[in-house]
C-alpha atoms as a PDB file:
ATOM      1  CA  MET A   1      18.335 -12.598 -10.654  1.00  0.00           C
ATOM      2  CA  LEU A   2      17.831 -16.314 -10.170  1.00  0.00           C
ATOM      3  CA  GLN A   3      20.608 -18.407  -8.701  1.00  0.00           C
ATOM      4  CA  ASP A   4      20.510 -22.138  -9.401  1.00  0.00           C
ATOM      5  CA  THR A   5      16.768 -21.844  -9.809  1.00  0.00           C
ATOM      6  CA  PRO A   6      14.824 -24.803 -11.169  1.00  0.00           C
ATOM      7  CA  SER A   7      12.122 -24.366 -13.744  1.00  0.00           C
ATOM      8  CA  PHE A   8       8.921 -23.402 -11.941  1.00  0.00           C
ATOM      9  CA  ASP A   9       5.860 -24.936 -13.545  1.00  0.00           C
ATOM     10  CA  GLY A  10       3.632 -25.702 -10.567  1.00  0.00           C
ATOM     11  CA  ASP A  11       0.119 -24.371 -10.185  1.00  0.00           C
ATOM     12  CA  VAL A  12      -0.529 -21.133  -8.382  1.00  0.00           C
ATOM     13  CA  LYS A  13      -1.918 -21.711  -4.905  1.00  0.00           C
ATOM     14  CA  LYS A  14      -5.685 -21.347  -5.382  1.00  0.00           C
ATOM     15  CA  LEU A  15      -7.951 -19.021  -3.429  1.00  0.00           C
ATOM     16  CA  ASP A  16      -9.627 -21.766  -1.433  1.00  0.00           C
ATOM     17  CA  GLU A  17      -6.264 -23.293  -0.536  1.00  0.00           C
ATOM     18  CA  GLY A  18      -4.207 -20.265   0.409  1.00  0.00           C
ATOM     19  CA  SER A  19      -6.056 -16.994   0.347  1.00  0.00           C
ATOM     20  CA  ILE A  20      -5.255 -14.360   2.938  1.00  0.00           C
ATOM     21  CA  THR A  21      -8.781 -14.637   4.226  1.00  0.00           C
ATOM     22  CA  GLU A  22     -12.190 -15.738   3.145  1.00  0.00           C
ATOM     23  CA  SER A  23     -13.960 -13.750   5.851  1.00  0.00           C
ATOM     24  CA  ALA A  24     -17.006 -11.629   5.147  1.00  0.00           C
ATOM     25  CA  ASP A  25     -15.031  -8.912   6.961  1.00  0.00           C
ATOM     26  CA  ALA A  26     -12.717  -8.442   3.973  1.00  0.00           C
ATOM     27  CA  VAL A  27     -12.105  -4.794   3.108  1.00  0.00           C
ATOM     28  CA  LEU A  28     -11.006  -5.559  -0.472  1.00  0.00           C
ATOM     29  CA  SER A  29     -12.071  -8.443  -2.700  1.00  0.00           C
ATOM     30  CA  VAL A  30     -10.331  -9.194  -5.978  1.00  0.00           C
ATOM     31  CA  ARG A  31     -11.701 -11.649  -8.521  1.00  0.00           C
ATOM     32  CA  HIS A  32     -10.111 -12.854 -11.749  1.00  0.00           C
ATOM     33  CA  LEU A  33      -8.044  -9.674 -12.035  1.00  0.00           C
ATOM     34  CA  GLU A  34      -5.913  -9.303 -15.133  1.00  0.00           C
ATOM     35  CA  ILE A  35      -3.899  -6.174 -15.947  1.00  0.00           C
ATOM     36  CA  GLY A  36      -1.780  -5.276 -18.919  1.00  0.00           C
ATOM     37  CA  PHE A  37      -0.255  -2.588 -21.076  1.00  0.00           C
ATOM     38  CA  ASN A  38      -0.979  -3.003 -24.770  1.00  0.00           C
ATOM     39  CA  ALA A  39      -0.131  -6.634 -25.644  1.00  0.00           C
ATOM     40  CA  LYS A  40       1.786  -7.313 -22.419  1.00  0.00           C
ATOM     41  CA  LYS A  41      -0.105  -8.976 -19.574  1.00  0.00           C
ATOM     42  CA  VAL A  42       1.368  -7.911 -16.221  1.00  0.00           C
ATOM     43  CA  ILE A  43      -1.138  -9.394 -13.743  1.00  0.00           C
ATOM     44  CA  ARG A  44      -2.638 -12.860 -14.303  1.00  0.00           C
ATOM     45  CA  ASP A  45      -5.943 -14.007 -12.797  1.00  0.00           C
ATOM     46  CA  ILE A  46      -5.563 -12.835  -9.197  1.00  0.00           C
ATOM     47  CA  ASN A  47      -8.216 -13.815  -6.649  1.00  0.00           C
ATOM     48  CA  LEU A  48      -8.066 -12.764  -3.005  1.00  0.00           C
ATOM     49  CA  ASP A  49      -9.863 -11.210  -0.050  1.00  0.00           C
ATOM     50  CA  MET A  50      -7.929  -8.759   2.093  1.00  0.00           C
ATOM     51  CA  PRO A  51      -8.696  -8.559   5.807  1.00  0.00           C
ATOM     52  CA  ARG A  52      -9.814  -5.299   7.371  1.00  0.00           C
ATOM     53  CA  GLY A  53      -7.574  -3.618   9.918  1.00  0.00           C
ATOM     54  CA  HIS A  54      -4.287  -5.403   9.203  1.00  0.00           C
ATOM     55  CA  VAL A  55      -0.933  -4.729   7.563  1.00  0.00           C
ATOM     56  CA  VAL A  56      -0.551  -6.746   4.356  1.00  0.00           C
ATOM     57  CA  ALA A  57       2.900  -6.989   2.751  1.00  0.00           C
ATOM     58  CA  LEU A  58       3.342  -7.529  -0.996  1.00  0.00           C
ATOM     59  CA  ILE A  59       6.678  -9.181  -1.747  1.00  0.00           C
ATOM     60  CA  GLY A  60       8.298 -10.633  -4.837  1.00  0.00           C
ATOM     61  CA  PRO A  61      11.052 -10.002  -7.409  1.00  0.00           C
ATOM     62  CA  THR A  62      11.265  -6.735  -9.313  1.00  0.00           C
ATOM     63  CA  GLY A  63       8.837  -6.794 -12.226  1.00  0.00           C
ATOM     64  CA  SER A  64       6.504  -9.341 -10.659  1.00  0.00           C
ATOM     65  CA  GLY A  65       3.496  -6.993 -10.717  1.00  0.00           C
ATOM     66  CA  LYS A  66       3.314  -5.774  -7.099  1.00  0.00           C
ATOM     67  CA  THR A  67       3.280  -2.036  -7.799  1.00  0.00           C
ATOM     68  CA  THR A  68       1.015  -2.399 -10.833  1.00  0.00           C
ATOM     69  CA  PHE A  69      -1.475  -4.250  -8.666  1.00  0.00           C
ATOM     70  CA  LEU A  70      -1.176  -1.689  -5.867  1.00  0.00           C
ATOM     71  CA  ARG A  71      -1.722   1.295  -8.188  1.00  0.00           C
ATOM     72  CA  SER A  72      -4.746  -0.391  -9.744  1.00  0.00           C
ATOM     73  CA  VAL A  73      -6.599  -0.520  -6.448  1.00  0.00           C
ATOM     74  CA  ASN A  74      -7.166   3.250  -6.532  1.00  0.00           C
ATOM     75  CA  ARG A  75      -7.031   3.581 -10.307  1.00  0.00           C
ATOM     76  CA  LEU A  76      -3.667   5.343 -10.624  1.00  0.00           C
ATOM     77  CA  ASN A  77      -2.791   3.362 -13.763  1.00  0.00           C
ATOM     78  CA  ASP A  78      -5.818   4.546 -15.704  1.00  0.00           C
ATOM     79  CA  LYS A  79      -4.131   7.292 -17.713  1.00  0.00           C
ATOM     80  CA  ILE A  80      -1.046   5.306 -18.655  1.00  0.00           C
ATOM     81  CA  SER A  81      -0.951   4.656 -22.392  1.00  0.00           C
ATOM     82  CA  GLY A  82      -2.088   1.160 -23.336  1.00  0.00           C
ATOM     83  CA  PHE A  83      -3.316   0.257 -19.853  1.00  0.00           C
ATOM     84  CA  TRP A  84      -6.175  -2.252 -19.620  1.00  0.00           C
ATOM     85  CA  THR A  85      -7.773  -4.342 -16.912  1.00  0.00           C
ATOM     86  CA  LYS A  86     -10.274  -7.180 -16.587  1.00  0.00           C
ATOM     87  CA  GLY A  87     -11.981  -8.697 -13.580  1.00  0.00           C
ATOM     88  CA  SER A  88     -13.103  -7.066 -10.368  1.00  0.00           C
ATOM     89  CA  ILE A  89     -11.749  -5.100  -7.407  1.00  0.00           C
ATOM     90  CA  SER A  90     -14.363  -4.212  -4.813  1.00  0.00           C
ATOM     91  CA  LEU A  91     -14.278  -2.207  -1.581  1.00  0.00           C
ATOM     92  CA  HIS A  92     -16.956  -3.485   0.816  1.00  0.00           C
ATOM     93  CA  GLY A  93     -18.751  -4.894  -2.215  1.00  0.00           C
ATOM     94  CA  GLU A  94     -18.562  -1.657  -4.229  1.00  0.00           C
ATOM     95  CA  GLU A  95     -16.930  -2.210  -7.627  1.00  0.00           C
ATOM     96  CA  LEU A  96     -13.888   0.043  -8.034  1.00  0.00           C
ATOM     97  CA  LEU A  97     -13.171  -0.631 -11.708  1.00  0.00           C
ATOM     98  CA  SER A  98     -16.530   0.668 -12.904  1.00  0.00           C
ATOM     99  CA  LYS A  99     -16.503   3.647 -15.265  1.00  0.00           C
ATOM    100  CA  ASP A 100     -19.018   5.247 -12.895  1.00  0.00           C
ATOM    101  CA  THR A 101     -16.639   5.172  -9.911  1.00  0.00           C
ATOM    102  CA  ASP A 102     -16.030   8.613  -8.390  1.00  0.00           C
ATOM    103  CA  LEU A 103     -12.216   8.658  -8.475  1.00  0.00           C
ATOM    104  CA  LEU A 104     -11.880  11.599  -6.096  1.00  0.00           C
ATOM    105  CA  GLU A 105     -13.965   9.822  -3.480  1.00  0.00           C
ATOM    106  CA  LEU A 106     -12.192   6.518  -4.145  1.00  0.00           C
ATOM    107  CA  ARG A 107      -8.804   8.119  -3.514  1.00  0.00           C
ATOM    108  CA  ARG A 108     -10.086   9.584  -0.263  1.00  0.00           C
ATOM    109  CA  LYS A 109     -11.121   6.136   0.941  1.00  0.00           C
ATOM    110  CA  VAL A 110      -8.056   4.427  -0.563  1.00  0.00           C
ATOM    111  CA  GLY A 111      -5.030   6.699  -0.233  1.00  0.00           C
ATOM    112  CA  MET A 112      -1.471   6.142  -1.391  1.00  0.00           C
ATOM    113  CA  LEU A 113       2.008   6.920  -0.089  1.00  0.00           C
ATOM    114  CA  PHE A 114       4.815   6.748  -2.623  1.00  0.00           C
ATOM    115  CA  GLN A 115       8.421   5.608  -2.521  1.00  0.00           C
ATOM    116  CA  ARG A 116       9.783   9.142  -2.299  1.00  0.00           C
ATOM    117  CA  PRO A 117       8.108  11.868  -0.249  1.00  0.00           C
ATOM    118  CA  ASN A 118       5.949  14.154  -2.391  1.00  0.00           C
ATOM    119  CA  PRO A 119       4.885  17.138  -0.280  1.00  0.00           C
ATOM    120  CA  PHE A 120       2.930  19.779  -2.170  1.00  0.00           C
ATOM    121  CA  PRO A 121       4.537  23.195  -2.849  1.00  0.00           C
ATOM    122  CA  MET A 122       2.620  24.871  -0.036  1.00  0.00           C
ATOM    123  CA  SER A 123       3.152  25.285   3.700  1.00  0.00           C
ATOM    124  CA  ILE A 124       3.353  22.407   6.163  1.00  0.00           C
ATOM    125  CA  LYS A 125      -0.069  23.342   7.497  1.00  0.00           C
ATOM    126  CA  GLU A 126      -1.633  23.549   4.040  1.00  0.00           C
ATOM    127  CA  ASN A 127      -0.155  20.159   3.116  1.00  0.00           C
ATOM    128  CA  VAL A 128      -2.034  18.524   5.974  1.00  0.00           C
ATOM    129  CA  LEU A 129      -5.237  20.325   5.002  1.00  0.00           C
ATOM    130  CA  ALA A 130      -5.012  19.790   1.231  1.00  0.00           C
ATOM    131  CA  GLY A 131      -7.333  16.785   1.085  1.00  0.00           C
ATOM    132  CA  VAL A 132      -9.592  18.085   3.833  1.00  0.00           C
ATOM    133  CA  LYS A 133     -10.242  21.216   1.796  1.00  0.00           C
ATOM    134  CA  ALA A 134     -10.565  19.386  -1.534  1.00  0.00           C
ATOM    135  CA  HIS A 135     -13.230  17.090  -0.088  1.00  0.00           C
ATOM    136  CA  ARG A 136     -14.795  19.793   2.124  1.00  0.00           C
ATOM    137  CA  LEU A 137     -14.601  17.469   5.103  1.00  0.00           C
ATOM    138  CA  ALA A 138     -14.567  20.065   7.860  1.00  0.00           C
ATOM    139  CA  PRO A 139     -15.315  23.756   8.452  1.00  0.00           C
ATOM    140  CA  LYS A 140     -12.454  26.215   8.743  1.00  0.00           C
ATOM    141  CA  SER A 141     -12.977  26.435  12.494  1.00  0.00           C
ATOM    142  CA  GLN A 142     -11.763  22.829  12.809  1.00  0.00           C
ATOM    143  CA  HIS A 143      -8.702  23.136  10.566  1.00  0.00           C
ATOM    144  CA  ASP A 144      -6.179  23.959  13.303  1.00  0.00           C
ATOM    145  CA  GLU A 145      -7.368  20.994  15.343  1.00  0.00           C
ATOM    146  CA  ILE A 146      -7.082  18.675  12.318  1.00  0.00           C
ATOM    147  CA  VAL A 147      -3.534  19.875  11.630  1.00  0.00           C
ATOM    148  CA  ARG A 148      -2.424  19.320  15.206  1.00  0.00           C
ATOM    149  CA  GLU A 149      -4.182  15.963  15.570  1.00  0.00           C
ATOM    150  CA  ASN A 150      -2.632  14.456  12.464  1.00  0.00           C
ATOM    151  CA  LEU A 151       0.839  15.865  13.002  1.00  0.00           C
ATOM    152  CA  GLU A 152       0.741  14.483  16.539  1.00  0.00           C
ATOM    153  CA  LYS A 153      -0.434  11.149  15.174  1.00  0.00           C
ATOM    154  CA  VAL A 154       2.683  10.833  12.984  1.00  0.00           C
ATOM    155  CA  GLY A 155       5.005  12.262  15.640  1.00  0.00           C
ATOM    156  CA  LEU A 156       5.795  15.544  13.858  1.00  0.00           C
ATOM    157  CA  TRP A 157       3.928  18.091  15.969  1.00  0.00           C
ATOM    158  CA  LYS A 158       6.732  18.976  18.400  1.00  0.00           C
ATOM    159  CA  ALA A 159       9.199  19.423  15.542  1.00  0.00           C
ATOM    160  CA  VAL A 160       7.016  21.704  13.427  1.00  0.00           C
ATOM    161  CA  GLN A 161       4.473  23.370  15.726  1.00  0.00           C
ATOM    162  CA  ASP A 162       6.323  26.700  15.535  1.00  0.00           C
ATOM    163  CA  ARG A 163       6.890  26.550  11.775  1.00  0.00           C
ATOM    164  CA  LEU A 164       3.572  25.466  10.312  1.00  0.00           C
ATOM    165  CA  ASN A 165       3.782  28.162   7.664  1.00  0.00           C
ATOM    166  CA  ASP A 166       7.257  27.087   6.516  1.00  0.00           C
ATOM    167  CA  SER A 167       7.945  25.155   3.334  1.00  0.00           C
ATOM    168  CA  PRO A 168       7.871  21.362   3.779  1.00  0.00           C
ATOM    169  CA  PHE A 169      10.994  21.131   1.647  1.00  0.00           C
ATOM    170  CA  ARG A 170      13.022  22.411   4.595  1.00  0.00           C
ATOM    171  CA  LEU A 171      12.171  19.201   6.464  1.00  0.00           C
ATOM    172  CA  SER A 172      14.332  16.088   6.339  1.00  0.00           C
ATOM    173  CA  GLY A 173      13.370  13.256   3.993  1.00  0.00           C
ATOM    174  CA  GLY A 174      11.943  11.241   6.855  1.00  0.00           C
ATOM    175  CA  GLN A 175       9.945  14.199   8.139  1.00  0.00           C
ATOM    176  CA  GLN A 176       8.594  14.863   4.643  1.00  0.00           C
ATOM    177  CA  GLN A 177       7.377  11.278   4.400  1.00  0.00           C
ATOM    178  CA  LEU A 178       5.693  11.574   7.792  1.00  0.00           C
ATOM    179  CA  LEU A 179       4.070  14.817   6.622  1.00  0.00           C
ATOM    180  CA  CYS A 180       2.729  13.047   3.533  1.00  0.00           C
ATOM    181  CA  LEU A 181       1.357  10.339   5.796  1.00  0.00           C
ATOM    182  CA  ALA A 182      -0.308  12.981   7.981  1.00  0.00           C
ATOM    183  CA  ARG A 183      -1.859  14.479   4.842  1.00  0.00           C
ATOM    184  CA  SER A 184      -3.240  11.068   3.907  1.00  0.00           C
ATOM    185  CA  LEU A 185      -4.571  10.399   7.401  1.00  0.00           C
ATOM    186  CA  ALA A 186      -6.335  13.755   7.578  1.00  0.00           C
ATOM    187  CA  VAL A 187      -9.007  12.614   5.085  1.00  0.00           C
ATOM    188  CA  GLN A 188      -9.751   9.518   7.193  1.00  0.00           C
ATOM    189  CA  PRO A 189      -9.015   6.758   4.646  1.00  0.00           C
ATOM    190  CA  GLU A 190     -10.107   3.171   5.118  1.00  0.00           C
ATOM    191  CA  VAL A 191      -7.118   1.755   3.228  1.00  0.00           C
ATOM    192  CA  LEU A 192      -3.623   3.136   2.631  1.00  0.00           C
ATOM    193  CA  LEU A 193      -1.460   1.794  -0.171  1.00  0.00           C
ATOM    194  CA  LEU A 194       2.274   2.168   0.467  1.00  0.00           C
ATOM    195  CA  ASP A 195       4.775   1.637  -2.341  1.00  0.00           C
ATOM    196  CA  GLU A 196       8.246   1.123  -0.813  1.00  0.00           C
ATOM    197  CA  PRO A 197       7.487   3.927   1.668  1.00  0.00           C
ATOM    198  CA  THR A 198      10.780   3.671   3.581  1.00  0.00           C
ATOM    199  CA  SER A 199      13.276   2.718   0.871  1.00  0.00           C
ATOM    200  CA  ALA A 200      14.661   6.277   0.628  1.00  0.00           C
ATOM    201  CA  LEU A 201      14.793   6.880   4.385  1.00  0.00           C
ATOM    202  CA  ASP A 202      17.477   6.555   7.052  1.00  0.00           C
ATOM    203  CA  PRO A 203      17.150   3.759   9.664  1.00  0.00           C
ATOM    204  CA  ILE A 204      15.701   6.053  12.357  1.00  0.00           C
ATOM    205  CA  SER A 205      13.021   7.341   9.972  1.00  0.00           C
ATOM    206  CA  VAL A 206      12.285   3.788   8.834  1.00  0.00           C
ATOM    207  CA  GLU A 207      11.670   2.767  12.449  1.00  0.00           C
ATOM    208  CA  ALA A 208       9.399   5.778  12.992  1.00  0.00           C
ATOM    209  CA  VAL A 209       7.246   4.935   9.961  1.00  0.00           C
ATOM    210  CA  GLU A 210       7.041   1.253  10.842  1.00  0.00           C
ATOM    211  CA  ASP A 211       6.060   1.986  14.444  1.00  0.00           C
ATOM    212  CA  LEU A 212       3.383   4.342  13.209  1.00  0.00           C
ATOM    213  CA  LEU A 213       1.815   1.744  10.912  1.00  0.00           C
ATOM    214  CA  ARG A 214       1.498  -0.711  13.758  1.00  0.00           C
ATOM    215  CA  LYS A 215      -0.148   1.934  15.958  1.00  0.00           C
ATOM    216  CA  LEU A 216      -2.713   2.845  13.283  1.00  0.00           C
ATOM    217  CA  VAL A 217      -4.128  -0.654  12.833  1.00  0.00           C
ATOM    218  CA  PRO A 218      -6.894  -1.774  13.109  1.00  0.00           C
ATOM    219  CA  GLU A 219      -8.249   1.716  12.386  1.00  0.00           C
ATOM    220  CA  ILE A 220      -6.707   1.580   8.901  1.00  0.00           C
ATOM    221  CA  THR A 221      -5.822  -1.293   6.579  1.00  0.00           C
ATOM    222  CA  PHE A 222      -2.306  -0.972   5.118  1.00  0.00           C
ATOM    223  CA  ILE A 223      -1.137  -2.683   1.924  1.00  0.00           C
ATOM    224  CA  VAL A 224       2.629  -2.298   1.642  1.00  0.00           C
ATOM    225  CA  VAL A 225       4.919  -3.140  -1.271  1.00  0.00           C
ATOM    226  CA  THR A 226       8.394  -3.836   0.107  1.00  0.00           C
ATOM    227  CA  HIS A 227      11.578  -5.431  -1.190  1.00  0.00           C
ATOM    228  CA  SER A 228      12.811  -5.830   2.383  1.00  0.00           C
ATOM    229  CA  LEU A 229      11.908  -9.285   3.635  1.00  0.00           C
ATOM    230  CA  ALA A 230      12.977  -8.234   7.132  1.00  0.00           C
ATOM    231  CA  GLN A 231      10.535  -5.339   6.988  1.00  0.00           C
ATOM    232  CA  ALA A 232       7.726  -7.575   5.761  1.00  0.00           C
ATOM    233  CA  ARG A 233       8.298  -9.891   8.709  1.00  0.00           C
ATOM    234  CA  ARG A 234       8.465  -6.992  11.192  1.00  0.00           C
ATOM    235  CA  ILE A 235       5.380  -5.043  10.222  1.00  0.00           C
ATOM    236  CA  SER A 236       2.887  -7.297   8.454  1.00  0.00           C
ATOM    237  CA  ASP A 237       0.169  -9.613   9.669  1.00  0.00           C
ATOM    238  CA  HIS A 238      -0.307 -11.147   6.214  1.00  0.00           C
ATOM    239  CA  THR A 239       1.975 -11.549   3.204  1.00  0.00           C
ATOM    240  CA  MET A 240       1.297 -11.959  -0.515  1.00  0.00           C
ATOM    241  CA  PHE A 241       4.052 -13.326  -2.749  1.00  0.00           C
ATOM    242  CA  PHE A 242       3.983 -12.245  -6.399  1.00  0.00           C
ATOM    243  CA  TYR A 243       5.976 -13.974  -9.118  1.00  0.00           C
ATOM    244  CA  ASP A 244       5.749 -13.348 -12.859  1.00  0.00           C
ATOM    245  CA  GLY A 245       2.434 -11.500 -12.546  1.00  0.00           C
ATOM    246  CA  LYS A 246       0.817 -14.223 -10.451  1.00  0.00           C
ATOM    247  CA  LEU A 247      -0.138 -14.335  -6.804  1.00  0.00           C
ATOM    248  CA  MET A 248       1.743 -17.509  -5.985  1.00  0.00           C
ATOM    249  CA  GLU A 249       0.985 -17.749  -2.297  1.00  0.00           C
ATOM    250  CA  SER A 250      -0.654 -15.721   0.443  1.00  0.00           C
ATOM    251  CA  GLY A 251      -1.406 -16.135   4.108  1.00  0.00           C
ATOM    252  CA  GLU A 252      -0.322 -15.187   7.591  1.00  0.00           C
ATOM    253  CA  THR A 253       3.193 -13.750   7.507  1.00  0.00           C
ATOM    254  CA  GLU A 254       4.542 -16.276  10.015  1.00  0.00           C
ATOM    255  CA  ASN A 255       3.328 -19.155   7.865  1.00  0.00           C
ATOM    256  CA  ILE A 256       4.617 -17.694   4.590  1.00  0.00           C
ATOM    257  CA  PHE A 257       8.127 -17.234   6.006  1.00  0.00           C
ATOM    258  CA  ASN A 258       8.346 -20.340   8.165  1.00  0.00           C
ATOM    259  CA  ASP A 259       6.408 -22.853   6.097  1.00  0.00           C
ATOM    260  CA  PRO A 260       6.090 -21.713   2.452  1.00  0.00           C
ATOM    261  CA  GLN A 261       4.147 -24.139   0.286  1.00  0.00           C
ATOM    262  CA  MET A 262       5.309 -23.095  -3.182  1.00  0.00           C
ATOM    263  CA  PRO A 263       8.862 -23.607  -4.504  1.00  0.00           C
ATOM    264  CA  GLU A 264       8.949 -20.037  -5.821  1.00  0.00           C
ATOM    265  CA  THR A 265       8.201 -18.709  -2.351  1.00  0.00           C
ATOM    266  CA  GLN A 266      10.868 -20.917  -0.802  1.00  0.00           C
ATOM    267  CA  TYR A 267      13.493 -19.668  -3.267  1.00  0.00           C
ATOM    268  CA  TYR A 268      12.579 -16.036  -2.782  1.00  0.00           C
ATOM    269  CA  ILE A 269      12.510 -15.881   1.002  1.00  0.00           C
ATOM    270  CA  SER A 270      15.740 -17.936   1.220  1.00  0.00           C
ATOM    271  CA  GLY A 271      17.543 -15.312  -0.874  1.00  0.00           C
ATOM    272  CA  ARG A 272      18.135 -17.578  -3.853  1.00  0.00           C
ATOM    273  CA  MET A 273      15.843 -15.459  -6.039  1.00  0.00           C
ATOM    274  CA  GLY A 274      16.045 -11.675  -6.153  1.00  0.00           C
END
């Protein structure tokens, strides 16, 4: 809801004026991206380069296009009725929107963690190994090591080492989310997309997930949709502000929050737009 908000009719901050990065080391490059469902256009001419090995926060009002953009990076919108897209999303120069893209391999390289934990209906151990087995990434002799390594990485090993064959649904919500993260990490992704990954968690679990993200960079690039401005400031190196389907402004998080250039950004981070 807008509170005493003026009419915004300024230009979107252009790529060469306010992109996150223009480095050749970008992990993702987006050019002239437009996304819609039937006659409704949800994303409007987005151009950006995302830096490798950082945490990037996507902020903006509900309905501004953040999650639609995020889900498009690994093609999760494809089967939604009426979905269409134009433009380009590339990973290290490889076009992701091509009809020839191997979606299974894409989703190994670009994983996703959802708002609510979604462990599979199998044991804790088999959850961690699900992607490893699907992609045939390692022989069976290495499976126990992979399980332990990734559960240790997310801080779950001590809690579950004696119950690996138990159902994951006996874990707490925070533990389930950490298990899902371990499952994602086990296939060695380059990028992880996180859609409000801590919104359903208690404060202690939120802290555990946030600490983990910071420990895993620069090995992995994280792109995180969050409605918590405090969280965006805590965990991200770079921030993208979406408004009405447009990328209004992007840059280093400190600059976006301390010296926003667009009036929309100023209203949003000051709490006058929500």
